[in-house]
Amino acid sequence: MSLIEPQRLKALRKRVIIRFGLAAVLIPAILFAMAGTLNYWQGWLYWMVLIIPMLFAVSYLLRADPELLERRMKSHEREHEQQIIVRLGSAVWVAGFMVIALDLRLQGLNQVPAFIALAADAGVFLGYCLVLWVFRENTYASRTVEVVEGQKVITTGAYSIVRHPMYLGSIIMILFTPIALGSWWAVPVFSLYIPVLIWRIFNEERVLLRDLPGYREYCMKRPYRLVPYVW
């Protein structure tokens, strides 16, 4: 558990409320604008799958680890290579949602069978749970690639299995997102996020090997980055 002074915590709460409120409004606005109708159950369900766990996660972190939440609010990367990676990742997301919008308008809302869309929502939720597990285990899980003073190598929880469990959770969420929203055609576009994340992993590991004591030994003990016995 980490504690921060009351004034800083108050400011953090204000920022969190603003960002959460914007997310709660903008996500459905984008989804229903894509579909061109409010009668889009896939969009409503996907929104709930994202927002409800997010609400619990934010509430938990405000109480248990506000410093981690503060780190997650950062967006500016110090590493130039990471700045390029972030832009590429954002471009993939934008392109993916554009394809979903076109697909829904041209092919209709029901091209993906309901049971498959529901299974995809479950996949998104499971990926989200993996990310939240990382947050609980690793107070240094910053949104940006950096090593802070006093940072230690985390070897417990999901980190005892693979070196980058948060990115594995992100990949699961990303791959299931277009299916949950009712689009097959957007799956290849969202899949382009995987090589972007792999590039991020390689760069991040260079930074951690350079700046974080004990990380090299951890890599020797945990040889798999994302998938056990695969990579």
Protein backbone atom coordinates (compact mmCIF):
# COMPACT_ATOMS: atom_id res chain seq x y z
CA MET A 1 0.00 0.00 0.00
CA SER A 2 1.27 3.50 -0.83
CA LEU A 3 0.09 6.75 0.72
CA ILE A 4 0.22 10.31 -0.58
CA GLU A 5 -0.47 13.60 1.16
CA PRO A 6 -4.11 14.76 1.44
CA GLN A 7 -3.85 17.69 -1.00
CA ARG A 8 -2.25 15.53 -3.64
CA LEU A 9 -4.87 12.83 -3.08
CA LYS A 10 -7.66 15.39 -3.41
CA ALA A 11 -6.22 16.63 -6.71
CA LEU A 12 -5.85 13.03 -7.90
CA ARG A 13 -9.49 12.27 -7.07
CA LYS A 14 -10.59 15.30 -9.08
CA ARG A 15 -8.55 14.23 -12.11
CA VAL A 16 -9.85 10.67 -11.85
CA ILE A 17 -13.48 11.79 -11.65
CA ILE A 18 -13.03 13.99 -14.74
CA ARG A 19 -11.31 11.25 -16.76
CA PHE A 20 -13.71 8.53 -15.68
CA GLY A 21 -16.67 10.75 -16.45
CA LEU A 22 -15.29 11.54 -19.90
CA ALA A 23 -14.66 7.84 -20.58
CA ALA A 24 -18.16 6.92 -19.41
CA VAL A 25 -19.64 9.42 -21.88
CA LEU A 26 -17.24 9.25 -24.83
CA ILE A 27 -17.06 5.45 -25.14
CA PRO A 28 -20.80 4.98 -25.77
CA ALA A 29 -20.91 8.12 -27.91
CA ILE A 30 -18.26 6.64 -30.21
CA LEU A 31 -19.84 3.18 -30.22
CA PHE A 32 -23.34 4.37 -31.09
CA ALA A 33 -22.07 6.89 -33.61
CA MET A 34 -20.33 3.98 -35.35
CA ALA A 35 -23.49 1.89 -35.37
CA GLY A 36 -25.73 4.82 -36.29
CA THR A 37 -28.31 3.71 -33.74
CA LEU A 38 -28.86 3.29 -29.99
CA ASN A 39 -30.38 -0.12 -30.72
CA TYR A 40 -26.95 -1.75 -30.57
CA TRP A 41 -26.81 -4.25 -27.71
CA GLN A 42 -23.21 -5.20 -28.52
CA GLY A 43 -22.17 -1.60 -27.86
CA TRP A 44 -24.11 -1.37 -24.60
CA LEU A 45 -22.62 -4.63 -23.32
CA TYR A 46 -19.07 -3.74 -24.34
CA TRP A 47 -19.45 -0.39 -22.58
CA MET A 48 -20.53 -2.11 -19.37
CA VAL A 49 -17.69 -4.66 -19.63
CA LEU A 50 -15.23 -1.75 -19.71
CA ILE A 51 -16.81 0.75 -17.34
CA ILE A 52 -17.91 -1.47 -14.43
CA PRO A 53 -14.47 -3.09 -13.83
CA MET A 54 -12.87 0.33 -14.38
CA LEU A 55 -15.04 1.82 -11.64
CA PHE A 56 -14.06 -0.91 -9.17
CA ALA A 57 -10.38 -0.66 -10.16
CA VAL A 58 -10.26 3.11 -9.72
CA SER A 59 -12.07 2.92 -6.37
CA TYR A 60 -9.67 0.21 -5.17
CA LEU A 61 -6.53 2.06 -6.27
CA LEU A 62 -7.66 5.34 -4.70
CA ARG A 63 -7.80 3.53 -1.37
CA ALA A 64 -5.00 1.00 -1.65
CA ASP A 65 -2.42 2.42 -4.07
CA PRO A 66 -3.02 6.04 -5.14
CA GLU A 67 0.59 6.37 -6.30
CA LEU A 68 0.01 3.68 -8.92
CA LEU A 69 -3.15 5.45 -10.05
CA GLU A 70 -1.14 8.66 -10.30
CA ARG A 71 1.45 6.90 -12.44
CA ARG A 72 -1.31 5.53 -14.67
CA MET A 73 -2.52 9.09 -15.29
CA LYS A 74 0.76 10.02 -16.98
CA SER A 75 0.84 9.93 -20.76
CA HIS A 76 4.10 11.55 -21.91
CA GLU A 77 6.83 9.07 -22.77
CA ARG A 78 10.44 10.08 -22.08
CA GLU A 79 11.89 7.64 -24.60
CA HIS A 80 11.64 8.91 -28.18
CA GLU A 81 11.13 5.37 -29.48
CA GLN A 82 8.20 4.90 -27.10
CA GLN A 83 6.63 8.14 -28.36
CA ILE A 84 6.63 6.66 -31.87
CA ILE A 85 5.18 3.38 -30.55
CA VAL A 86 2.36 5.21 -28.75
CA ARG A 87 1.45 7.10 -31.95
CA LEU A 88 1.41 3.87 -33.95
CA GLY A 89 -0.75 2.17 -31.34
CA SER A 90 -3.21 5.06 -31.38
CA ALA A 91 -3.33 4.91 -35.19
CA VAL A 92 -4.20 1.20 -35.05
CA TRP A 93 -7.06 1.88 -32.61
CA VAL A 94 -8.46 4.69 -34.75
CA ALA A 95 -8.18 2.62 -37.94
CA GLY A 96 -9.77 -0.37 -36.20
CA PHE A 97 -12.80 1.58 -35.03
CA MET A 98 -13.17 3.17 -38.46
CA VAL A 99 -13.33 -0.31 -40.00
CA ILE A 100 -15.88 -1.39 -37.37
CA ALA A 101 -18.01 1.65 -38.23
CA LEU A 102 -17.89 0.90 -41.96
CA ASP A 103 -18.54 -2.79 -41.38
CA LEU A 104 -21.58 -2.14 -39.19
CA ARG A 105 -23.04 0.35 -41.65
CA LEU A 106 -22.46 -1.86 -44.71
CA GLN A 107 -22.95 -5.37 -43.31
CA GLY A 108 -25.36 -4.71 -40.43
CA LEU A 109 -25.24 -5.21 -36.67
CA ASN A 110 -25.85 -8.96 -36.51
CA GLN A 111 -23.14 -10.47 -38.72
CA VAL A 112 -21.41 -11.96 -35.64
CA PRO A 113 -23.66 -14.51 -33.90
CA ALA A 114 -24.81 -13.41 -30.45
CA PHE A 115 -23.14 -16.28 -28.60
CA ILE A 116 -19.79 -15.48 -30.24
CA ALA A 117 -20.12 -11.78 -29.38
CA LEU A 118 -20.95 -12.73 -25.78
CA ALA A 119 -17.92 -15.04 -25.64
CA ALA A 120 -15.78 -12.19 -26.97
CA ASP A 121 -17.08 -9.90 -24.21
CA ALA A 122 -16.05 -12.57 -21.72
CA GLY A 123 -12.61 -12.53 -23.35
CA VAL A 124 -12.39 -8.75 -23.01
CA PHE A 125 -13.36 -9.07 -19.34
CA LEU A 126 -10.76 -11.79 -18.69
CA GLY A 127 -8.07 -9.67 -20.32
CA TYR A 128 -9.14 -6.74 -18.15
CA CYS A 129 -8.96 -8.96 -15.04
CA LEU A 130 -5.39 -9.91 -15.93
CA VAL A 131 -4.46 -6.22 -16.20
CA LEU A 132 -6.12 -5.53 -12.82
CA TRP A 133 -4.20 -8.45 -11.29
CA VAL A 134 -1.01 -6.75 -12.46
CA PHE A 135 -2.11 -3.47 -10.86
CA ARG A 136 -2.65 -5.26 -7.55
CA GLU A 137 0.74 -6.96 -7.74
CA ASN A 138 2.92 -4.22 -9.21
CA THR A 139 2.76 -0.71 -7.78
CA TYR A 140 5.31 0.38 -10.42
CA ALA A 141 3.06 -0.50 -13.40
CA SER A 142 3.30 2.97 -14.90
CA ARG A 143 1.53 3.89 -18.12
CA THR A 144 4.86 5.17 -19.43
CA VAL A 145 8.18 3.34 -19.67
CA GLU A 146 10.31 4.58 -16.79
CA VAL A 147 12.21 3.46 -13.70
CA VAL A 148 11.45 5.44 -10.54
CA GLU A 149 13.55 5.85 -7.42
CA GLY A 150 13.31 2.82 -5.16
CA GLN A 151 11.68 0.64 -7.80
CA LYS A 152 12.07 -3.10 -7.32
CA VAL A 153 11.70 -6.05 -9.67
CA ILE A 154 8.30 -7.72 -9.20
CA THR A 155 8.51 -11.51 -9.36
CA THR A 156 5.23 -12.58 -7.74
CA GLY A 157 1.70 -13.14 -9.02
CA ALA A 158 1.42 -13.09 -12.81
CA TYR A 159 5.07 -11.99 -12.99
CA SER A 160 6.05 -15.45 -11.74
CA ILE A 161 4.67 -16.84 -15.01
CA VAL A 162 5.62 -14.30 -17.72
CA ARG A 163 7.56 -11.05 -17.75
CA HIS A 164 4.84 -8.86 -19.29
CA PRO A 165 1.43 -10.06 -18.05
CA MET A 166 -0.17 -6.63 -18.45
CA TYR A 167 0.61 -6.62 -22.17
CA LEU A 168 -0.79 -10.14 -22.46
CA GLY A 169 -4.03 -8.88 -20.89
CA SER A 170 -4.04 -5.93 -23.30
CA ILE A 171 -3.60 -8.21 -26.32
CA ILE A 172 -6.50 -10.41 -25.18
CA MET A 173 -8.73 -7.34 -24.81
CA ILE A 174 -7.67 -5.92 -28.17
CA LEU A 175 -8.22 -9.12 -30.15
CA PHE A 176 -11.68 -9.73 -28.70
CA THR A 177 -12.86 -6.11 -29.01
CA PRO A 178 -13.94 -6.10 -32.70
CA ILE A 179 -15.73 -9.44 -32.32
CA ALA A 180 -17.54 -8.23 -29.20
CA LEU A 181 -18.66 -5.19 -31.20
CA GLY A 182 -19.94 -7.34 -34.06
CA SER A 183 -17.24 -6.98 -36.72
CA TRP A 184 -15.11 -9.67 -38.35
CA TRP A 185 -13.41 -7.32 -40.79
CA ALA A 186 -11.82 -5.25 -38.03
CA VAL A 187 -10.03 -8.22 -36.47
CA PRO A 188 -6.99 -8.05 -38.83
CA VAL A 189 -6.71 -4.31 -38.20
CA PHE A 190 -6.74 -4.69 -34.41
CA SER A 191 -4.25 -7.55 -34.76
CA LEU A 192 -1.72 -4.98 -36.00
CA TYR A 193 -1.50 -3.82 -32.39
CA ILE A 194 0.40 -7.00 -31.50
CA PRO A 195 3.63 -6.13 -33.39
CA VAL A 196 3.38 -2.61 -31.96
CA LEU A 197 3.23 -4.06 -28.43
CA ILE A 198 6.10 -6.43 -29.19
CA TRP A 199 8.19 -3.44 -30.28
CA ARG A 200 7.22 -1.72 -27.02
CA ILE A 201 8.29 -4.78 -25.03
CA PHE A 202 11.73 -4.90 -26.68
CA ASN A 203 12.29 -1.20 -26.02
CA GLU A 204 10.96 -1.42 -22.46
CA GLU A 205 13.25 -4.33 -21.66
CA ARG A 206 16.26 -2.38 -22.90
CA VAL A 207 15.31 0.43 -20.49
CA LEU A 208 14.74 -1.96 -17.58
CA LEU A 209 17.97 -3.87 -18.23
CA ARG A 210 19.81 -0.55 -18.23
CA ASP A 211 18.14 1.16 -15.27
CA LEU A 212 16.51 -1.43 -12.98
CA PRO A 213 18.85 -3.46 -10.74
CA GLY A 214 18.01 -7.15 -10.70
CA TYR A 215 16.00 -7.16 -13.91
CA ARG A 216 18.63 -9.11 -15.86
CA GLU A 217 18.55 -11.88 -13.26
CA TYR A 218 14.76 -11.88 -13.38
CA CYS A 219 14.86 -12.33 -17.17
CA MET A 220 17.11 -15.35 -16.74
CA LYS A 221 14.67 -16.92 -14.26
CA ARG A 222 11.54 -16.00 -16.27
CA PRO A 223 12.47 -16.58 -19.93
CA TYR A 224 8.97 -16.09 -21.37
CA ARG A 225 7.71 -12.61 -22.15
CA LEU A 226 4.03 -13.19 -22.97
CA VAL A 227 3.11 -16.86 -23.39
CA PRO A 228 4.68 -19.66 -21.32
CA TYR A 229 6.79 -22.08 -23.38
CA VAL A 230 6.12 -20.03 -26.53
CA TRP A 231 7.65 -16.53 -26.25
